[in-house]
Amino acid sequence: MNKTLIINSGLPRAGTTLLQNILGQNPLIFPENNSGLMSIIYAGYEGYINHPPVIRSLNKDNLDKCLIKYHQAGIQAYLNELTEKPVIIDKDRDWITHYRVFNKLIPNFKLIYLVRDLRSIFTSFEKQYQKDLFKNYNWPHTDGRGHTLKLRYDNYLNFDFISYALDTLEDIFNGKYEENICFIRYEDLCFFPKNTMEKIYNYLDIDYFEHNFNNIEQITKEFDNNHVFGDHNISGILHPPIQNWEKFLDKDMLDDIYVQHEWFYKIFKYKK
C-alpha cells in the first residue's frame, strides 16, 4: 500500500514541533523527527543532474522520467520501513528550499509551512539567549562578540537559519509557487486551534481527527545541542502566545524588523 508523505516546514520558533506532536495524536499519522529524508532525495537529484553520462545522454527525456520513478519507489520503500502507519509527516525546515524539485519528484506533494510574526521570532531568540548564558553562540556576524543587545540583534538578523529561510520564502511568492502550499500562522494555531487544524486536514484531504489541545504529549525527540537556539520541548497545553517584545528588544529594533521585511507583513497580514 502506498503511504502518504506530508511535509511540516516553517520558520524557526514558529511552532513546527508543536504541530508535529498535535498531528501525532492522530493514530493514522506517524510524526517523524528531522529524518534527513529531504537531504537524501535532493542529493540523489543533484548527483543525477551533474553526472556526465546523464548530461551527454541522447535519451535524457526518458532518463528524467526514470529518475522520477526511482525517487517515488525509493520514498515508498523508506516510508514502509519506517512505520506501518499510512500517513507520515516529516519535519525539516529545508523542504521549501527546493520546493520546485520536490514538487516534481513527489506525487501530490503536500507542504505545510508555519510562519510567525518576525518580532516574536527575534524576541524568542533573545529569550533563549537570556535563559542559557553558558552556551557558546559563536556570534559569527560580529566577530564572536555578543555582549550587547545591539551585537546580538545584528546576529539574529543575519543567522542563516532565519535570513536564508526568509529569502527562500520571498522567492516562493515572487515565483508564484505559493498556491499549493498550506501556510499556517503560529498565532492562528494557538488562538484558533480547531479551525486551524480543520484547514490543515482539508488541505491534506484527510478525515478530520478530534485533537486534544489540553493534553499534547511530546512524541518527537530532538538533540537540541545541534541547534543554536534549540528548544524543541513543547508545553502539554496549547497557550495563546504572550506578546512582550519590548521587554527583550528595543523599539527601534522592532520597527527595523518590520521595515526590512515589509513584504512578509503584507503577505501574512500581520499588523505593524
Protein backbone atom coordinates (compact mmCIF):
# COMPACT_ATOMS: atom_id res chain seq x y z
CA MET A 1 0.00 0.00 0.00
CA ASN A 2 1.35 3.39 -0.96
CA LYS A 3 1.80 5.69 2.00
CA THR A 4 1.21 9.41 2.17
CA LEU A 5 4.13 11.72 2.84
CA ILE A 6 3.31 15.12 4.36
CA ILE A 7 5.88 17.83 4.92
CA ASN A 8 5.92 20.05 8.00
CA SER A 9 8.21 23.02 7.48
CA GLY A 10 8.43 26.60 8.65
CA LEU A 11 10.40 29.46 10.10
CA PRO A 12 12.42 28.85 13.28
CA ARG A 13 10.48 29.32 16.54
CA ALA A 14 7.20 29.15 14.59
CA GLY A 15 5.60 26.01 16.04
CA THR A 16 6.64 23.19 13.70
CA THR A 17 7.47 20.90 16.64
CA LEU A 18 4.18 21.78 18.29
CA LEU A 19 2.22 20.95 15.14
CA GLN A 20 4.18 17.72 14.68
CA ASN A 21 3.06 16.48 18.08
CA ILE A 22 -0.52 17.65 17.68
CA LEU A 23 -0.79 15.72 14.42
CA GLY A 24 0.85 12.77 16.16
CA GLN A 25 -2.29 12.38 18.27
CA ASN A 26 -3.98 11.01 15.18
CA PRO A 27 -3.45 7.21 15.26
CA LEU A 28 -3.10 7.15 11.45
CA ILE A 29 -0.21 9.65 11.41
CA PHE A 30 3.43 8.94 12.21
CA PRO A 31 5.25 12.14 13.26
CA GLU A 32 8.86 11.74 12.16
CA ASN A 33 11.70 13.78 13.64
CA ASN A 34 14.15 15.65 11.40
CA SER A 35 14.88 12.47 9.46
CA GLY A 36 17.24 13.60 6.72
CA LEU A 37 14.85 12.30 4.05
CA MET A 38 14.89 15.69 2.34
CA SER A 39 18.69 15.62 2.09
CA ILE A 40 18.68 12.06 0.75
CA ILE A 41 16.22 12.91 -2.03
CA TYR A 42 17.93 16.14 -3.03
CA ALA A 43 21.39 14.54 -3.01
CA GLY A 44 20.12 11.94 -5.49
CA TYR A 45 18.64 14.63 -7.72
CA GLU A 46 21.79 16.76 -7.58
CA GLY A 47 24.02 13.79 -8.34
CA TYR A 48 21.85 12.95 -11.33
CA ILE A 49 21.84 16.38 -12.96
CA ASN A 50 25.62 16.74 -12.50
CA HIS A 51 26.56 13.23 -13.69
CA PRO A 52 28.48 13.46 -17.01
CA PRO A 53 26.83 10.40 -18.68
CA VAL A 54 23.43 11.94 -17.95
CA ILE A 55 24.49 15.34 -19.27
CA ARG A 56 25.77 13.76 -22.51
CA SER A 57 22.87 11.35 -22.94
CA LEU A 58 20.83 11.48 -26.15
CA ASN A 59 17.94 9.93 -24.24
CA LYS A 60 17.74 12.40 -21.38
CA ASP A 61 13.94 12.91 -21.50
CA ASN A 62 13.44 9.22 -20.78
CA LEU A 63 16.14 9.29 -18.10
CA ASP A 64 14.34 12.18 -16.41
CA LYS A 65 11.18 10.06 -16.20
CA CYS A 66 13.23 7.19 -14.80
CA LEU A 67 14.67 9.47 -12.11
CA ILE A 68 11.17 10.47 -11.02
CA LYS A 69 10.04 6.82 -10.82
CA TYR A 70 13.25 5.91 -8.98
CA HIS A 71 12.65 8.52 -6.30
CA GLN A 72 8.97 7.67 -5.93
CA ALA A 73 9.74 3.98 -5.41
CA GLY A 74 12.59 4.79 -3.03
CA ILE A 75 10.43 7.09 -0.93
CA GLN A 76 7.75 4.42 -0.60
CA ALA A 77 10.34 1.83 0.46
CA TYR A 78 11.70 4.29 3.03
CA LEU A 79 8.23 5.01 4.45
CA ASN A 80 7.26 1.34 4.54
CA GLU A 81 10.38 0.53 6.56
CA LEU A 82 9.78 3.49 8.88
CA THR A 83 6.28 2.67 10.11
CA GLU A 84 3.14 0.69 9.47
CA LYS A 85 1.00 3.82 9.72
CA PRO A 86 -0.43 5.07 6.41
CA VAL A 87 0.49 8.76 6.81
CA ILE A 88 3.96 10.08 7.66
CA ILE A 89 4.67 13.71 8.43
CA ASP A 90 8.33 14.65 8.03
CA LYS A 91 9.68 17.83 9.63
CA ASP A 92 12.56 19.74 8.09
CA ARG A 93 12.95 23.48 7.57
CA ASP A 94 14.71 22.99 4.22
CA TRP A 95 11.93 21.19 2.35
CA ILE A 96 10.72 24.53 0.96
CA THR A 97 14.23 25.49 -0.20
CA HIS A 98 13.98 23.21 -3.24
CA TYR A 99 10.20 23.23 -3.50
CA ARG A 100 10.09 23.05 -7.30
CA VAL A 101 12.31 19.96 -7.33
CA PHE A 102 10.33 18.08 -4.67
CA ASN A 103 7.02 19.07 -6.25
CA LYS A 104 8.24 17.32 -9.41
CA LEU A 105 9.72 14.23 -7.75
CA ILE A 106 6.99 13.54 -5.17
CA PRO A 107 3.44 12.92 -6.42
CA ASN A 108 0.74 15.07 -4.79
CA PHE A 109 3.40 16.93 -2.80
CA LYS A 110 1.83 18.39 0.37
CA LEU A 111 3.75 21.00 2.33
CA ILE A 112 2.55 22.78 5.47
CA TYR A 113 4.59 25.89 6.26
CA LEU A 114 4.36 27.72 9.57
CA VAL A 115 5.11 31.41 9.93
CA ARG A 116 5.07 33.75 12.90
CA ASP A 117 5.32 37.48 13.47
CA LEU A 118 9.04 38.10 12.98
CA ARG A 119 9.14 40.34 16.03
CA SER A 120 8.08 37.34 18.11
CA ILE A 121 10.74 35.15 16.46
CA PHE A 122 13.57 37.60 17.17
CA THR A 123 12.23 38.10 20.70
CA SER A 124 12.32 34.32 21.14
CA PHE A 125 15.99 34.28 20.12
CA GLU A 126 16.81 36.83 22.81
CA LYS A 127 14.74 34.93 25.38
CA GLN A 128 16.68 31.77 24.59
CA TYR A 129 19.96 33.64 24.98
CA GLN A 130 18.99 35.08 28.35
CA LYS A 131 17.80 31.68 29.53
CA ASP A 132 21.11 29.96 28.72
CA LEU A 133 24.06 32.34 29.14
CA PHE A 134 26.56 29.47 29.38
CA LYS A 135 26.10 28.35 25.79
CA ASN A 136 28.56 29.26 23.03
CA TYR A 137 26.58 31.13 20.39
CA ASN A 138 29.69 31.98 18.33
CA TRP A 139 28.10 35.24 17.10
CA PRO A 140 29.57 34.79 13.59
CA HIS A 141 28.38 38.12 12.22
CA THR A 142 30.04 40.32 14.85
CA ASP A 143 33.46 38.66 15.13
CA GLY A 144 32.36 36.45 18.01
CA ARG A 145 31.08 39.34 20.11
CA GLY A 146 27.57 39.20 21.58
CA HIS A 147 27.86 41.00 24.90
CA THR A 148 25.40 43.78 23.93
CA LEU A 149 21.85 43.58 22.67
CA LYS A 150 22.81 45.53 19.54
CA LEU A 151 25.51 42.98 18.64
CA ARG A 152 23.17 40.06 19.29
CA TYR A 153 20.43 41.70 17.20
CA ASP A 154 22.83 42.04 14.27
CA ASN A 155 23.41 38.28 14.50
CA TYR A 156 19.70 37.49 14.81
CA LEU A 157 19.10 39.36 11.55
CA ASN A 158 21.86 37.53 9.69
CA PHE A 159 21.85 33.98 11.03
CA ASP A 160 21.42 31.71 8.01
CA PHE A 161 18.59 29.72 9.56
CA ILE A 162 16.37 32.82 9.55
CA SER A 163 17.77 35.07 6.79
CA TYR A 164 18.05 32.24 4.26
CA ALA A 165 14.60 30.94 5.23
CA LEU A 166 13.09 34.38 4.62
CA ASP A 167 14.91 34.77 1.29
CA THR A 168 13.55 31.39 0.20
CA LEU A 169 10.05 32.25 1.35
CA GLU A 170 10.10 35.56 -0.52
CA ASP A 171 11.26 33.73 -3.65
CA ILE A 172 8.31 31.33 -3.38
CA PHE A 173 5.91 34.28 -3.62
CA ASN A 174 7.94 36.07 -6.28
CA GLY A 175 7.83 32.91 -8.40
CA LYS A 176 4.09 32.38 -7.77
CA TYR A 177 4.61 28.90 -6.30
CA GLU A 178 2.67 29.54 -3.11
CA GLU A 179 -0.78 28.39 -4.18
CA ASN A 180 -0.13 24.68 -3.46
CA ILE A 181 1.46 25.30 -0.04
CA CYS A 182 -0.62 25.42 3.14
CA PHE A 183 0.62 28.43 5.10
CA ILE A 184 -0.28 28.49 8.79
CA ARG A 185 0.27 31.39 11.14
CA TYR A 186 1.52 30.21 14.52
CA GLU A 187 -0.76 32.73 16.19
CA ASP A 188 -3.81 31.21 14.47
CA LEU A 189 -2.80 27.73 15.62
CA CYS A 190 -2.60 28.97 19.21
CA PHE A 191 -5.71 31.19 19.27
CA PHE A 192 -7.96 29.16 16.95
CA PRO A 193 -6.60 25.59 17.09
CA LYS A 194 -9.69 23.71 15.94
CA ASN A 195 -10.33 25.97 12.93
CA THR A 196 -6.64 25.87 12.02
CA MET A 197 -6.45 22.09 12.22
CA GLU A 198 -9.59 21.79 10.11
CA LYS A 199 -7.88 23.95 7.48
CA ILE A 200 -4.85 21.63 7.57
CA TYR A 201 -6.96 18.47 7.25
CA ASN A 202 -8.91 19.98 4.34
CA TYR A 203 -5.63 20.77 2.60
CA LEU A 204 -4.31 17.25 3.22
CA ASP A 205 -7.61 15.70 2.11
CA ILE A 206 -7.65 13.52 5.22
CA ASP A 207 -10.63 12.88 7.51
CA TYR A 208 -10.57 15.24 10.47
CA PHE A 209 -9.40 13.88 13.81
CA GLU A 210 -10.61 15.46 17.05
CA HIS A 211 -7.43 16.65 18.77
CA ASN A 212 -6.95 17.32 22.47
CA PHE A 213 -5.26 20.71 22.77
CA ASN A 214 -5.13 20.48 26.56
CA ASN A 215 -3.05 17.33 26.66
CA ILE A 216 -0.39 17.31 23.93
CA GLU A 217 2.07 14.51 24.53
CA GLN A 218 5.67 15.09 23.39
CA ILE A 219 6.19 12.27 20.90
CA THR A 220 9.14 13.63 18.93
CA LYS A 221 12.61 13.98 20.42
CA GLU A 222 15.41 16.16 19.07
CA PHE A 223 19.03 16.69 20.08
CA ASP A 224 18.88 20.39 20.90
CA ASN A 225 22.64 20.78 21.20
CA ASN A 226 22.68 20.70 17.39
CA HIS A 227 20.73 23.94 17.27
CA VAL A 228 21.99 27.39 18.28
CA PHE A 229 18.60 28.30 19.72
CA GLY A 230 17.36 24.77 20.12
CA ASP A 231 14.43 24.18 22.41
CA HIS A 232 12.10 21.62 20.93
CA ASN A 233 10.26 20.83 24.15
CA ILE A 234 6.58 21.65 24.00
CA SER A 235 4.02 22.51 26.62
CA GLY A 236 1.33 19.92 27.13
CA ILE A 237 -1.33 22.61 26.86
CA LEU A 238 -1.82 24.95 23.91
CA HIS A 239 -1.49 28.50 25.23
CA PRO A 240 -2.00 31.77 23.32
CA PRO A 241 1.44 33.35 22.82
CA ILE A 242 2.44 36.26 25.06
CA GLN A 243 3.40 39.38 23.13
CA ASN A 244 6.14 41.00 25.22
CA TRP A 245 8.55 42.17 22.51
CA GLU A 246 9.64 45.41 24.17
CA LYS A 247 10.72 43.54 27.28
CA PHE A 248 13.53 41.96 25.25
CA LEU A 249 14.14 44.18 22.19
CA ASP A 250 14.38 47.94 21.71
CA LYS A 251 11.54 49.69 19.92
CA ASP A 252 13.94 50.76 17.17
CA MET A 253 14.81 47.11 16.59
CA LEU A 254 11.15 46.13 16.41
CA ASP A 255 10.49 48.90 13.88
CA ASP A 256 13.55 47.82 11.89
CA ILE A 257 12.28 44.23 11.68
CA TYR A 258 9.05 45.48 10.15
CA VAL A 259 10.75 47.85 7.70
CA GLN A 260 13.25 45.23 6.49
CA HIS A 261 10.53 42.63 5.98
CA GLU A 262 7.51 44.67 4.99
CA TRP A 263 6.72 42.18 2.20
CA PHE A 264 6.31 39.46 4.86
CA TYR A 265 3.93 41.54 6.95
CA LYS A 266 1.77 42.37 3.95
CA ILE A 267 1.56 38.81 2.67
CA PHE A 268 0.70 37.24 6.03
CA LYS A 269 -1.42 40.17 7.23
CA TYR A 270 0.43 40.98 10.41
CA LYS A 271 -0.20 44.44 11.82
CA LYS A 272 2.60 46.97 12.13
